[in-house]
N, C-alpha and C. Protein backbone atom coordinates (compact mmCIF):
# COMPACT_ATOMS: atom_id res chain seq x y z
N UNK A 1 63.02 148.22 11.86
CA UNK A 1 62.44 148.22 10.56
C UNK A 1 61.26 147.26 10.48
N UNK A 2 60.17 147.72 9.81
CA UNK A 2 58.99 146.86 9.70
C UNK A 2 59.10 145.95 8.44
N UNK A 3 58.94 144.57 8.56
CA UNK A 3 58.93 143.74 7.54
C UNK A 3 57.53 143.39 7.03
N UNK A 4 57.23 143.58 5.70
CA UNK A 4 55.96 143.18 5.23
C UNK A 4 55.74 141.73 5.46
N UNK A 5 54.50 141.56 6.04
CA UNK A 5 54.10 140.19 6.43
C UNK A 5 54.01 139.31 5.12
N UNK A 6 53.62 139.80 3.96
CA UNK A 6 53.48 139.14 2.84
C UNK A 6 54.92 138.53 2.32
N UNK A 7 55.79 139.62 2.43
CA UNK A 7 57.14 139.32 1.89
C UNK A 7 57.76 138.23 2.60
N UNK A 8 57.56 138.14 4.04
CA UNK A 8 58.10 137.14 4.94
C UNK A 8 57.35 135.96 4.66
N UNK A 9 56.08 135.86 4.26
CA UNK A 9 55.45 134.73 3.93
C UNK A 9 55.91 134.02 2.64
N UNK A 10 56.43 134.85 1.66
CA UNK A 10 56.82 134.41 0.46
C UNK A 10 58.23 133.74 0.55
N UNK A 11 59.18 134.33 1.43
CA UNK A 11 60.36 133.86 1.66
C UNK A 11 60.16 132.41 2.42
N UNK A 12 59.32 132.36 3.30
CA UNK A 12 59.12 131.09 4.12
C UNK A 12 58.57 129.95 3.13
N UNK A 13 57.82 130.39 2.23
CA UNK A 13 57.29 129.35 1.36
C UNK A 13 58.30 128.79 0.34
N UNK A 14 59.29 129.71 -0.15
CA UNK A 14 60.27 129.39 -0.96
C UNK A 14 61.23 128.27 -0.30
N UNK A 15 61.54 128.57 1.06
CA UNK A 15 62.39 127.79 1.82
C UNK A 15 61.75 126.49 2.03
N UNK A 16 60.55 126.40 2.31
CA UNK A 16 59.77 125.22 2.36
C UNK A 16 59.84 124.37 1.19
N UNK A 17 59.60 124.87 -0.01
CA UNK A 17 59.71 124.19 -1.32
C UNK A 17 61.01 123.54 -1.52
N UNK A 18 62.05 124.37 -1.24
CA UNK A 18 63.30 123.67 -1.46
C UNK A 18 63.72 122.56 -0.46
N UNK A 19 63.25 122.84 0.81
CA UNK A 19 63.45 121.70 1.86
C UNK A 19 62.64 120.49 1.51
N UNK A 20 61.46 120.69 1.02
CA UNK A 20 60.59 119.50 0.73
C UNK A 20 60.91 118.84 -0.54
N UNK A 21 61.72 119.45 -1.34
CA UNK A 21 62.07 118.64 -2.51
C UNK A 21 61.22 118.98 -3.77
N UNK A 22 60.30 119.78 -3.71
CA UNK A 22 59.44 120.10 -4.83
C UNK A 22 60.22 120.67 -5.97
N UNK A 23 61.27 121.41 -5.62
CA UNK A 23 62.09 122.19 -6.62
C UNK A 23 63.13 121.17 -7.23
N UNK A 24 63.21 119.92 -6.80
CA UNK A 24 64.24 119.00 -7.35
C UNK A 24 63.63 118.32 -8.64
N UNK A 25 63.79 119.14 -9.75
CA UNK A 25 63.33 118.59 -11.08
C UNK A 25 64.59 117.91 -11.62
N UNK A 26 64.32 116.95 -12.63
CA UNK A 26 65.39 116.09 -13.24
C UNK A 26 66.36 117.15 -13.93
N UNK A 27 67.63 116.86 -13.83
CA UNK A 27 68.65 117.60 -14.48
C UNK A 27 68.91 117.16 -15.86
N UNK A 28 69.29 117.98 -16.96
CA UNK A 28 69.63 117.43 -18.15
C UNK A 28 70.65 116.43 -18.21
N UNK A 29 70.56 115.26 -18.77
CA UNK A 29 71.62 114.31 -18.60
C UNK A 29 72.99 114.74 -19.23
N UNK A 30 73.96 114.28 -18.61
CA UNK A 30 75.40 114.60 -18.99
C UNK A 30 75.66 113.61 -20.13
N UNK A 31 76.74 113.98 -20.94
CA UNK A 31 77.21 113.12 -21.99
C UNK A 31 77.58 111.66 -21.49
N UNK A 32 78.37 111.75 -20.32
CA UNK A 32 78.87 110.52 -19.76
C UNK A 32 77.59 109.63 -19.51
N UNK A 33 76.44 110.22 -19.02
CA UNK A 33 75.30 109.48 -18.60
C UNK A 33 74.57 108.81 -19.72
N UNK A 34 74.62 109.61 -20.89
CA UNK A 34 74.01 109.07 -22.06
C UNK A 34 74.70 107.94 -22.62
N UNK A 35 75.99 108.10 -22.63
CA UNK A 35 76.92 107.03 -23.07
C UNK A 35 76.67 105.63 -22.19
N UNK A 36 76.61 105.86 -20.90
CA UNK A 36 76.34 104.73 -20.01
C UNK A 36 74.91 104.19 -20.25
N UNK A 37 73.89 104.97 -20.35
CA UNK A 37 72.58 104.44 -20.50
C UNK A 37 72.29 103.60 -21.83
N UNK A 38 73.13 104.10 -22.85
CA UNK A 38 72.85 103.66 -24.17
C UNK A 38 73.68 102.41 -24.53
N UNK A 39 74.54 102.03 -23.59
CA UNK A 39 75.51 100.79 -23.87
C UNK A 39 74.55 99.60 -24.03
N UNK A 40 74.98 98.73 -25.06
CA UNK A 40 74.15 97.59 -25.30
C UNK A 40 74.31 96.60 -24.15
N UNK A 41 73.29 95.90 -23.78
CA UNK A 41 73.41 94.83 -22.77
C UNK A 41 73.55 93.58 -23.47
N UNK A 42 73.91 93.64 -24.81
CA UNK A 42 74.15 92.32 -25.58
C UNK A 42 75.35 91.47 -24.97
N UNK A 43 75.24 90.37 -24.80
CA UNK A 43 76.29 89.37 -24.30
C UNK A 43 77.09 88.97 -25.47
N UNK A 44 78.37 89.21 -25.57
CA UNK A 44 79.19 88.86 -26.63
C UNK A 44 79.46 87.43 -26.79
N UNK A 45 79.08 86.88 -27.95
CA UNK A 45 79.31 85.59 -28.12
C UNK A 45 80.86 85.17 -28.22
N UNK A 46 81.04 83.79 -28.23
CA UNK A 46 82.35 83.26 -28.34
C UNK A 46 82.76 83.50 -29.80
N UNK A 47 83.79 84.31 -30.09
CA UNK A 47 84.23 84.53 -31.58
C UNK A 47 84.21 83.29 -32.33
N UNK A 48 83.59 83.32 -33.46
CA UNK A 48 83.52 82.12 -34.27
C UNK A 48 82.32 81.27 -34.33
N UNK A 49 81.32 81.54 -33.31
CA UNK A 49 80.10 80.88 -33.26
C UNK A 49 78.94 81.76 -33.18
N UNK A 50 77.80 81.42 -33.57
CA UNK A 50 76.50 82.00 -33.39
C UNK A 50 75.60 81.03 -32.90
N UNK A 51 74.94 81.15 -31.67
CA UNK A 51 74.03 80.25 -30.92
C UNK A 51 72.68 80.39 -31.55
N UNK A 52 72.10 79.32 -32.01
CA UNK A 52 70.66 79.43 -32.38
C UNK A 52 69.80 78.57 -31.40
N UNK A 53 68.53 78.34 -31.79
CA UNK A 53 67.74 77.64 -30.79
C UNK A 53 68.08 76.14 -30.74
N UNK A 54 68.67 75.65 -31.95
CA UNK A 54 69.03 74.14 -32.02
C UNK A 54 70.56 73.98 -32.22
N UNK A 55 71.30 74.89 -32.62
CA UNK A 55 72.77 74.60 -32.87
C UNK A 55 73.53 75.73 -32.81
N UNK A 56 74.81 75.54 -33.16
CA UNK A 56 75.82 76.57 -33.27
C UNK A 56 76.29 76.64 -34.69
N UNK A 57 76.22 77.77 -35.32
CA UNK A 57 76.81 77.88 -36.62
C UNK A 57 78.15 78.55 -36.61
N UNK A 58 79.06 78.16 -37.43
CA UNK A 58 80.49 78.67 -37.60
C UNK A 58 80.38 80.00 -38.45
N UNK A 59 81.04 81.03 -37.94
CA UNK A 59 80.91 82.21 -38.59
C UNK A 59 82.52 82.74 -38.77
N UNK A 60 82.62 83.75 -39.44
CA UNK A 60 84.06 84.36 -39.47
C UNK A 60 84.50 84.92 -38.20
N UNK A 61 85.41 84.44 -37.59
CA UNK A 61 85.89 84.79 -36.27
C UNK A 61 86.14 86.29 -36.19
N UNK A 62 86.90 86.90 -37.25
CA UNK A 62 87.05 88.25 -37.31
C UNK A 62 85.76 89.06 -37.19
N UNK A 63 84.84 88.67 -37.96
CA UNK A 63 83.55 89.39 -37.98
C UNK A 63 82.74 89.23 -36.60
N UNK A 64 82.87 88.03 -35.88
CA UNK A 64 82.28 87.95 -34.69
C UNK A 64 82.93 88.71 -33.64
N UNK A 65 84.27 88.77 -33.75
CA UNK A 65 84.99 89.67 -32.69
C UNK A 65 84.69 91.16 -32.89
N UNK A 66 84.62 91.56 -34.11
CA UNK A 66 84.21 93.03 -34.32
C UNK A 66 82.86 93.20 -33.78
N UNK A 67 81.85 92.35 -34.03
CA UNK A 67 80.53 92.54 -33.43
C UNK A 67 80.59 92.64 -31.92
N UNK A 68 81.27 91.72 -31.26
CA UNK A 68 81.45 91.76 -29.88
C UNK A 68 82.01 93.01 -29.33
N UNK A 69 83.08 93.54 -29.97
CA UNK A 69 83.59 94.80 -29.64
C UNK A 69 82.77 95.97 -29.75
N UNK A 70 81.92 95.91 -30.79
CA UNK A 70 81.05 96.95 -31.03
C UNK A 70 79.98 96.99 -29.95
N UNK A 71 79.47 95.76 -29.70
CA UNK A 71 78.46 95.81 -28.52
C UNK A 71 79.01 96.27 -27.20
N UNK A 72 80.28 95.91 -26.93
CA UNK A 72 80.78 96.29 -25.65
C UNK A 72 81.17 97.78 -25.65
N UNK A 73 81.35 98.43 -26.86
CA UNK A 73 81.76 99.75 -26.82
C UNK A 73 80.46 100.72 -27.13
N UNK A 74 79.25 100.14 -27.25
CA UNK A 74 78.08 100.94 -27.60
C UNK A 74 77.99 101.40 -29.08
N UNK A 75 79.02 100.81 -29.93
CA UNK A 75 78.85 101.14 -31.41
C UNK A 75 77.62 100.42 -32.01
N UNK A 76 77.07 101.04 -32.87
CA UNK A 76 75.90 100.32 -33.63
C UNK A 76 76.41 99.23 -34.38
N UNK A 77 75.96 98.03 -34.01
CA UNK A 77 76.35 96.82 -34.64
C UNK A 77 76.06 96.94 -36.27
N UNK A 78 74.98 97.47 -36.72
CA UNK A 78 74.74 97.61 -37.99
C UNK A 78 75.85 98.17 -38.91
N UNK A 79 76.42 99.22 -38.20
CA UNK A 79 77.57 99.93 -38.96
C UNK A 79 78.76 98.93 -38.98
N UNK A 80 79.03 98.07 -37.99
CA UNK A 80 80.00 97.17 -38.12
C UNK A 80 79.86 96.16 -39.09
N UNK A 81 78.52 95.69 -39.24
CA UNK A 81 78.12 94.61 -40.19
C UNK A 81 78.39 95.20 -41.57
N UNK A 82 78.09 96.45 -41.85
CA UNK A 82 78.27 97.00 -43.15
C UNK A 82 79.77 97.08 -43.55
N UNK A 83 80.57 97.41 -42.46
CA UNK A 83 81.95 97.43 -42.65
C UNK A 83 82.52 96.03 -42.96
N UNK A 84 82.06 95.00 -42.31
CA UNK A 84 82.59 93.75 -42.60
C UNK A 84 82.14 93.12 -43.88
N UNK A 85 80.93 93.52 -44.32
CA UNK A 85 80.52 93.13 -45.71
C UNK A 85 81.54 93.64 -46.64
N UNK A 86 81.87 94.84 -46.55
CA UNK A 86 82.77 95.49 -47.38
C UNK A 86 84.10 94.71 -47.40
N UNK A 87 84.59 94.09 -46.32
CA UNK A 87 85.74 93.49 -46.22
C UNK A 87 85.66 91.97 -46.82
N UNK A 88 84.50 91.45 -46.88
CA UNK A 88 84.37 90.13 -47.41
C UNK A 88 84.46 90.07 -48.93
N UNK A 89 85.24 89.11 -49.40
CA UNK A 89 85.67 88.93 -50.78
C UNK A 89 84.64 87.78 -51.20
N UNK A 90 83.80 88.12 -52.28
CA UNK A 90 82.87 87.12 -52.90
C UNK A 90 83.35 86.86 -54.29
N UNK A 91 83.71 85.69 -54.63
CA UNK A 91 84.05 85.21 -56.02
C UNK A 91 83.02 84.41 -56.66
N UNK A 92 82.69 84.77 -57.87
CA UNK A 92 81.69 83.89 -58.63
C UNK A 92 82.12 84.00 -60.17
N UNK A 93 82.30 82.92 -60.66
CA UNK A 93 82.67 82.79 -62.05
C UNK A 93 81.49 83.21 -62.98
N UNK A 94 81.74 84.09 -63.88
CA UNK A 94 80.75 84.58 -64.65
C UNK A 94 80.99 84.00 -66.10
N UNK A 95 79.97 83.09 -66.59
CA UNK A 95 80.18 82.49 -67.83
C UNK A 95 79.66 83.42 -69.04
N UNK A 96 80.47 83.70 -69.97
CA UNK A 96 80.07 84.67 -71.15
C UNK A 96 79.00 83.98 -71.90
N UNK A 97 78.26 84.63 -72.54
CA UNK A 97 77.35 84.06 -73.51
C UNK A 97 77.86 83.76 -74.88
N UNK A 98 77.29 82.78 -75.66
CA UNK A 98 77.88 82.61 -76.95
C UNK A 98 77.87 83.64 -77.93
N UNK A 99 78.47 83.61 -78.91
CA UNK A 99 78.23 84.66 -80.02
C UNK A 99 76.82 84.93 -80.39
N UNK A 100 76.46 86.04 -80.92
CA UNK A 100 75.15 86.32 -81.47
C UNK A 100 75.10 85.65 -82.83
N UNK A 101 74.20 84.55 -83.04
CA UNK A 101 74.20 83.76 -84.26
C UNK A 101 73.89 84.67 -85.53
N UNK A 102 73.22 85.69 -85.23
CA UNK A 102 72.70 86.47 -86.32
C UNK A 102 73.80 87.31 -87.00
N UNK A 103 74.90 87.55 -86.30
CA UNK A 103 76.00 88.31 -86.77
C UNK A 103 77.05 87.53 -87.44
N UNK A 104 77.03 86.29 -87.16
CA UNK A 104 78.04 85.30 -87.90
C UNK A 104 77.72 85.05 -89.36
N UNK A 105 78.80 84.86 -90.14
CA UNK A 105 78.63 84.55 -91.56
C UNK A 105 77.97 83.11 -91.61
N UNK A 106 77.48 82.81 -92.82
CA UNK A 106 77.06 81.49 -92.96
C UNK A 106 78.26 80.54 -93.14
N UNK A 107 78.10 79.29 -92.85
CA UNK A 107 79.27 78.39 -92.86
C UNK A 107 78.95 77.27 -93.94
N UNK A 108 79.96 76.69 -94.46
CA UNK A 108 79.79 75.54 -95.29
C UNK A 108 79.55 74.19 -94.58
N UNK A 109 80.36 74.12 -93.47
CA UNK A 109 80.19 72.86 -92.70
C UNK A 109 80.16 73.23 -91.27
N UNK A 110 79.29 72.36 -90.59
CA UNK A 110 79.11 72.47 -89.05
C UNK A 110 79.19 71.07 -88.43
N UNK A 111 79.76 71.06 -87.18
CA UNK A 111 79.99 69.93 -86.50
C UNK A 111 79.86 70.07 -85.07
N UNK A 112 79.33 69.11 -84.43
CA UNK A 112 79.10 69.04 -82.92
C UNK A 112 79.83 67.89 -82.22
N UNK A 113 80.89 68.04 -81.38
CA UNK A 113 81.57 66.99 -80.76
C UNK A 113 81.13 67.01 -79.26
N UNK A 114 80.76 65.73 -78.80
CA UNK A 114 80.42 65.57 -77.47
C UNK A 114 81.52 64.76 -76.86
N UNK A 115 82.08 65.31 -75.78
CA UNK A 115 83.21 64.67 -75.09
C UNK A 115 82.75 64.24 -73.66
N UNK A 116 82.50 62.87 -73.52
CA UNK A 116 81.83 62.36 -72.30
C UNK A 116 82.81 62.39 -71.02
N UNK A 117 84.08 62.19 -71.30
CA UNK A 117 84.98 62.09 -70.13
C UNK A 117 85.25 63.56 -69.47
N UNK A 118 85.14 64.51 -70.14
CA UNK A 118 85.35 65.87 -69.73
C UNK A 118 83.92 66.50 -69.59
N UNK A 119 82.91 65.84 -70.05
CA UNK A 119 81.68 66.47 -69.95
C UNK A 119 81.45 67.81 -70.53
N UNK A 120 81.92 67.94 -71.75
CA UNK A 120 81.98 69.23 -72.57
C UNK A 120 81.54 68.99 -73.99
N UNK A 121 81.38 70.06 -74.68
CA UNK A 121 81.10 69.95 -76.00
C UNK A 121 82.00 71.01 -76.85
N UNK A 122 82.17 70.76 -78.05
CA UNK A 122 82.89 71.66 -78.92
C UNK A 122 82.00 71.73 -80.29
N UNK A 123 81.79 73.02 -80.64
CA UNK A 123 80.97 73.15 -81.91
C UNK A 123 81.88 73.93 -82.83
N UNK A 124 82.01 73.33 -84.13
CA UNK A 124 82.83 73.84 -85.17
C UNK A 124 82.07 74.42 -86.35
N UNK A 125 82.62 75.31 -86.95
CA UNK A 125 82.14 75.82 -88.35
C UNK A 125 83.33 75.91 -89.22
N UNK A 126 83.23 75.39 -90.45
CA UNK A 126 84.28 75.42 -91.41
C UNK A 126 85.64 74.92 -90.83
N UNK A 127 85.60 73.92 -89.94
CA UNK A 127 86.61 73.29 -89.36
C UNK A 127 87.43 74.12 -88.22
N UNK A 128 86.73 75.28 -87.84
CA UNK A 128 87.37 76.15 -86.75
C UNK A 128 86.31 75.93 -85.51
N UNK A 129 86.93 75.89 -84.34
CA UNK A 129 86.20 75.85 -83.13
C UNK A 129 85.49 77.25 -82.92
N UNK A 130 84.21 77.18 -82.84
CA UNK A 130 83.44 78.48 -82.56
C UNK A 130 82.94 78.68 -81.26
N UNK A 131 82.65 77.51 -80.64
CA UNK A 131 82.07 77.65 -79.19
C UNK A 131 82.12 76.25 -78.45
N UNK A 132 82.28 76.38 -77.20
CA UNK A 132 82.45 75.15 -76.29
C UNK A 132 81.70 75.45 -75.10
N UNK A 133 81.39 74.47 -74.30
CA UNK A 133 80.70 74.53 -73.06
C UNK A 133 80.56 73.21 -72.30
N UNK A 134 79.88 73.31 -71.12
CA UNK A 134 79.67 72.05 -70.43
C UNK A 134 78.38 71.37 -70.79
N UNK A 135 78.39 69.98 -70.53
CA UNK A 135 77.26 69.28 -70.70
C UNK A 135 76.96 68.37 -69.52
N UNK A 136 75.82 67.83 -69.67
CA UNK A 136 75.58 66.67 -68.56
C UNK A 136 74.93 65.64 -69.36
N UNK A 137 75.76 64.40 -69.63
CA UNK A 137 75.21 63.38 -70.40
C UNK A 137 74.70 62.12 -69.45
N UNK A 138 74.57 61.04 -70.12
CA UNK A 138 73.84 59.88 -69.39
C UNK A 138 74.69 59.31 -68.24
N UNK A 139 74.08 58.81 -67.16
CA UNK A 139 74.64 58.17 -66.04
C UNK A 139 75.18 56.84 -66.44
N UNK A 140 75.94 56.09 -65.44
CA UNK A 140 76.46 54.83 -65.66
C UNK A 140 75.35 53.94 -65.88
N UNK A 141 74.10 54.21 -65.29
CA UNK A 141 72.92 53.25 -65.43
C UNK A 141 72.22 53.37 -66.88
N UNK A 142 72.38 54.77 -67.27
CA UNK A 142 71.76 55.15 -68.49
C UNK A 142 72.74 55.89 -69.47
N UNK A 143 73.67 55.25 -69.91
CA UNK A 143 74.80 55.72 -70.74
C UNK A 143 74.42 56.31 -72.05
N UNK A 144 75.04 57.42 -72.28
CA UNK A 144 74.96 58.04 -73.62
C UNK A 144 75.67 57.22 -74.74
N UNK A 145 74.94 56.78 -75.77
CA UNK A 145 75.76 55.91 -76.86
C UNK A 145 76.84 56.81 -77.55
N UNK A 146 77.92 56.00 -77.82
CA UNK A 146 79.08 56.85 -78.55
C UNK A 146 79.01 56.38 -80.03
N UNK A 147 79.84 57.22 -80.82
CA UNK A 147 79.61 56.92 -82.14
C UNK A 147 79.62 58.15 -82.91
N UNK A 148 79.59 58.01 -84.26
CA UNK A 148 79.51 59.17 -85.24
C UNK A 148 78.22 59.07 -85.85
N UNK A 149 77.41 60.22 -85.51
CA UNK A 149 76.00 60.33 -85.97
C UNK A 149 75.78 61.61 -86.65
N UNK A 150 74.57 61.74 -87.15
CA UNK A 150 74.13 63.01 -87.76
C UNK A 150 72.94 63.55 -87.19
N UNK A 151 72.62 64.92 -87.29
CA UNK A 151 71.44 65.38 -86.80
C UNK A 151 70.17 64.84 -87.64
N UNK A 152 69.32 64.08 -87.08
CA UNK A 152 68.40 63.47 -87.76
C UNK A 152 67.05 64.14 -87.76
N UNK A 153 66.80 65.13 -86.68
CA UNK A 153 65.77 65.92 -86.66
C UNK A 153 66.04 67.04 -85.68
N UNK A 154 65.29 68.19 -85.94
CA UNK A 154 65.33 69.45 -84.95
C UNK A 154 63.90 69.75 -84.39
N UNK A 155 63.88 69.97 -83.23
CA UNK A 155 62.44 70.28 -82.57
C UNK A 155 62.75 71.27 -81.46
N UNK A 156 62.29 72.52 -81.67
CA UNK A 156 62.63 73.64 -80.68
C UNK A 156 61.78 73.46 -79.50
N UNK A 157 60.59 72.82 -79.54
CA UNK A 157 59.71 72.70 -78.32
C UNK A 157 59.50 71.12 -78.08
N UNK A 158 60.46 70.36 -78.14
CA UNK A 158 60.39 69.02 -77.96
C UNK A 158 60.01 68.83 -76.44
N UNK A 159 59.20 67.66 -76.25
CA UNK A 159 58.94 67.17 -74.95
C UNK A 159 59.27 65.64 -74.93
N UNK A 160 59.60 65.19 -73.79
CA UNK A 160 59.85 63.74 -73.71
C UNK A 160 58.74 62.93 -73.83
N UNK A 161 59.07 61.65 -74.53
CA UNK A 161 57.93 60.73 -74.63
C UNK A 161 57.96 59.68 -73.53
N UNK A 162 58.97 59.75 -72.69
CA UNK A 162 59.20 58.73 -71.59
C UNK A 162 59.22 59.15 -70.28
N UNK A 163 59.46 60.63 -69.99
CA UNK A 163 59.41 61.05 -68.69
C UNK A 163 58.74 62.16 -68.50
N UNK A 164 58.26 62.39 -67.15
CA UNK A 164 57.33 63.56 -66.86
C UNK A 164 58.16 64.39 -65.83
N UNK A 165 57.72 65.56 -65.58
CA UNK A 165 58.26 66.51 -64.66
C UNK A 165 57.33 66.42 -63.35
N UNK A 166 57.59 67.37 -62.45
CA UNK A 166 56.88 67.43 -61.23
C UNK A 166 55.41 67.79 -61.30
N UNK A 167 54.98 68.33 -62.41
CA UNK A 167 53.65 68.56 -62.75
C UNK A 167 52.87 67.48 -63.60
N UNK A 168 53.60 66.32 -63.55
CA UNK A 168 53.15 65.16 -64.19
C UNK A 168 52.90 65.44 -65.72
N UNK A 169 53.62 66.26 -66.39
CA UNK A 169 53.60 66.70 -67.81
C UNK A 169 54.83 66.08 -68.37
N UNK A 170 54.85 65.78 -69.65
CA UNK A 170 56.09 65.43 -70.42
C UNK A 170 57.11 66.47 -70.19
N UNK A 171 58.24 65.98 -69.83
CA UNK A 171 59.46 66.79 -69.44
C UNK A 171 59.85 67.48 -70.77
N UNK A 172 59.97 69.02 -70.54
CA UNK A 172 60.38 69.81 -71.67
C UNK A 172 61.83 69.33 -72.10
N UNK A 173 62.13 69.46 -73.40
CA UNK A 173 63.47 69.29 -73.97
C UNK A 173 63.71 70.27 -75.07
N UNK A 174 63.73 71.57 -74.67
CA UNK A 174 63.87 72.63 -75.78
C UNK A 174 65.08 72.64 -76.58
N UNK A 175 64.98 73.08 -77.72
CA UNK A 175 66.14 73.14 -78.73
C UNK A 175 66.84 71.84 -78.91
N UNK A 176 65.89 70.82 -79.25
CA UNK A 176 66.40 69.47 -79.24
C UNK A 176 67.00 69.07 -80.62
N UNK A 177 68.03 68.30 -80.58
CA UNK A 177 68.72 67.73 -81.83
C UNK A 177 68.72 66.17 -81.72
N UNK A 178 68.06 65.50 -82.56
CA UNK A 178 67.98 64.10 -82.44
C UNK A 178 69.20 63.51 -83.31
N UNK A 179 69.95 62.49 -82.48
CA UNK A 179 71.07 62.01 -83.18
C UNK A 179 71.06 60.50 -83.24
N UNK A 180 70.19 59.80 -82.38
CA UNK A 180 69.96 58.34 -82.46
C UNK A 180 68.70 57.98 -81.74
N UNK A 181 67.71 57.57 -82.40
CA UNK A 181 66.49 57.08 -81.83
C UNK A 181 66.02 58.06 -80.73
N UNK A 182 65.84 57.57 -79.46
CA UNK A 182 65.41 58.40 -78.39
C UNK A 182 66.45 59.38 -77.67
N UNK A 183 67.58 59.34 -78.38
CA UNK A 183 68.72 60.29 -77.88
C UNK A 183 68.73 61.63 -78.44
N UNK A 184 68.79 62.61 -77.66
CA UNK A 184 68.72 63.98 -78.28
C UNK A 184 69.80 64.84 -77.52
N UNK A 185 70.29 65.87 -78.09
CA UNK A 185 71.07 67.03 -77.54
C UNK A 185 70.10 68.02 -77.32
N UNK A 186 69.88 68.49 -76.06
CA UNK A 186 68.87 69.46 -75.86
C UNK A 186 69.28 70.32 -74.70
N UNK A 187 68.45 71.32 -74.33
CA UNK A 187 68.61 72.31 -73.23
C UNK A 187 68.12 71.48 -71.87
N UNK A 188 68.75 71.79 -70.80
CA UNK A 188 68.44 70.98 -69.51
C UNK A 188 69.35 71.43 -68.47
N UNK A 189 69.06 70.92 -67.17
CA UNK A 189 69.89 71.20 -66.15
C UNK A 189 71.22 70.48 -66.33
N UNK A 190 72.23 71.21 -66.02
CA UNK A 190 73.64 70.84 -66.19
C UNK A 190 74.33 71.01 -65.01
N UNK A 191 74.35 69.77 -64.13
CA UNK A 191 75.12 69.84 -62.94
C UNK A 191 76.63 69.54 -63.14
N UNK A 192 77.46 69.24 -62.25
CA UNK A 192 78.87 69.06 -62.59
C UNK A 192 79.20 67.50 -62.59
N UNK A 193 78.16 66.84 -63.30
CA UNK A 193 78.38 65.34 -63.41
C UNK A 193 77.39 64.78 -64.32
N UNK A 194 77.54 63.67 -64.85
CA UNK A 194 76.45 63.07 -65.75
C UNK A 194 75.18 62.74 -64.76
N UNK A 195 74.06 63.17 -65.42
CA UNK A 195 72.79 63.16 -64.72
C UNK A 195 71.62 62.87 -65.59
N UNK A 196 71.75 62.59 -66.91
CA UNK A 196 70.51 62.33 -67.69
C UNK A 196 70.28 60.89 -67.91
N UNK A 197 69.19 60.60 -68.47
CA UNK A 197 68.94 59.23 -68.87
C UNK A 197 69.52 58.70 -70.25
N UNK A 198 70.44 59.42 -70.80
CA UNK A 198 71.18 59.18 -71.89
C UNK A 198 71.19 60.31 -72.95
N UNK A 199 70.31 61.22 -72.77
CA UNK A 199 70.35 62.40 -73.67
C UNK A 199 71.57 63.24 -73.26
N UNK A 200 71.82 64.26 -74.03
CA UNK A 200 72.99 65.17 -73.70
C UNK A 200 72.44 66.57 -73.49
N UNK A 201 72.58 67.06 -72.26
CA UNK A 201 71.99 68.36 -71.76
C UNK A 201 72.99 69.31 -72.04
N UNK A 202 72.53 70.49 -72.54
CA UNK A 202 73.33 71.78 -72.78
C UNK A 202 72.60 72.86 -71.91
N UNK A 203 73.38 73.78 -71.48
CA UNK A 203 72.74 74.92 -70.86
C UNK A 203 72.07 75.69 -71.85
N UNK A 204 71.10 76.49 -71.31
CA UNK A 204 70.17 77.22 -72.20
C UNK A 204 70.72 77.99 -73.38
N UNK A 205 71.71 78.89 -72.99
CA UNK A 205 72.20 79.78 -74.00
C UNK A 205 73.11 78.94 -75.06
N UNK A 206 73.68 77.79 -74.57
CA UNK A 206 74.48 77.05 -75.51
C UNK A 206 73.60 76.20 -76.32
N UNK A 207 72.57 75.66 -75.86
CA UNK A 207 71.64 74.87 -76.69
C UNK A 207 71.00 75.66 -77.79
N UNK A 208 70.52 76.95 -77.39
CA UNK A 208 69.81 77.76 -78.23
C UNK A 208 70.78 78.20 -79.32
N UNK A 209 72.19 78.52 -79.05
CA UNK A 209 73.08 78.78 -80.04
C UNK A 209 73.27 77.75 -81.04
N UNK A 210 73.57 76.54 -80.47
CA UNK A 210 73.92 75.45 -81.46
C UNK A 210 72.67 75.05 -82.35
N UNK A 211 71.50 75.14 -81.65
CA UNK A 211 70.24 74.85 -82.50
C UNK A 211 70.22 75.84 -83.61
N UNK A 212 70.52 77.08 -83.26
CA UNK A 212 70.27 78.13 -84.47
C UNK A 212 71.29 77.95 -85.60
N UNK A 213 72.37 77.17 -85.42
CA UNK A 213 73.39 77.21 -86.27
C UNK A 213 73.39 75.80 -87.05
N UNK A 214 73.24 74.75 -86.31
CA UNK A 214 73.44 73.56 -86.87
C UNK A 214 72.17 73.01 -87.76
N UNK A 215 72.43 72.23 -88.70
CA UNK A 215 71.23 71.82 -89.60
C UNK A 215 71.22 70.14 -89.72
N UNK A 216 69.94 69.89 -90.14
CA UNK A 216 69.67 68.41 -90.31
C UNK A 216 70.79 67.84 -91.29
N UNK A 217 71.46 66.74 -90.81
CA UNK A 217 72.46 66.08 -91.71
C UNK A 217 73.70 66.48 -91.16
N UNK A 218 73.95 67.52 -90.36
CA UNK A 218 75.31 67.79 -89.86
C UNK A 218 75.81 66.79 -88.81
N UNK A 219 77.17 66.50 -88.78
CA UNK A 219 77.64 65.52 -87.82
C UNK A 219 77.51 65.72 -86.45
N UNK A 220 77.15 64.82 -85.57
CA UNK A 220 77.30 64.88 -84.08
C UNK A 220 78.18 63.62 -83.66
N UNK A 221 79.24 63.86 -83.28
CA UNK A 221 80.30 62.78 -82.87
C UNK A 221 80.31 62.76 -81.22
N UNK A 222 79.97 61.63 -80.76
CA UNK A 222 80.10 61.46 -79.29
C UNK A 222 81.16 60.36 -79.01
N UNK A 223 82.16 60.66 -78.12
CA UNK A 223 83.29 60.00 -77.78
C UNK A 223 83.64 60.17 -76.29
N UNK A 224 84.61 59.34 -75.85
CA UNK A 224 85.00 59.57 -74.43
C UNK A 224 86.25 60.48 -74.38
């Protein structure tokens, strides 16, 4: 039988390609290969710490362990983070606003009591407690005077005549009620301790509410 020379040359070329490796193209990766290649090289931290450039910060050990396990198993750490955020309990006390003064009936009597020991105030109308809240009165170096006073003046946009703010402007004292000389009840920063120079600070909503209801001549009683 006579073999076509061209056919023989084709077979020889194919064999040569196989032997020389030109036909060795990359195979599609297997699932196991993909899992191996996509595993994170992240070094798991010691549970409970996060190392920064200058220090170690304490974190929730359970969250740190979950993140380390996620990195070791190839799980997306962002997914674990969302899961841990869902497990974290956040507690924050929400302070309700005072009543809407426009919806309240007019009162025959009004009275504001300032209680220095508890750093609180009570506001009464017609002998009944209507609203109360926190205050920040004078420090030991600048005490708030005690006694039975009356509202001598009201000034919605009052500014201090003695102190300035960071802009070198007279310190704002909104919704101010004068009860003795330079001493006023007004809106201001209310930390968890006495912090003023003698005035009585109320939170914004409280100061606005009391200012809208109380009148000049109404009693302001300051006691321990």
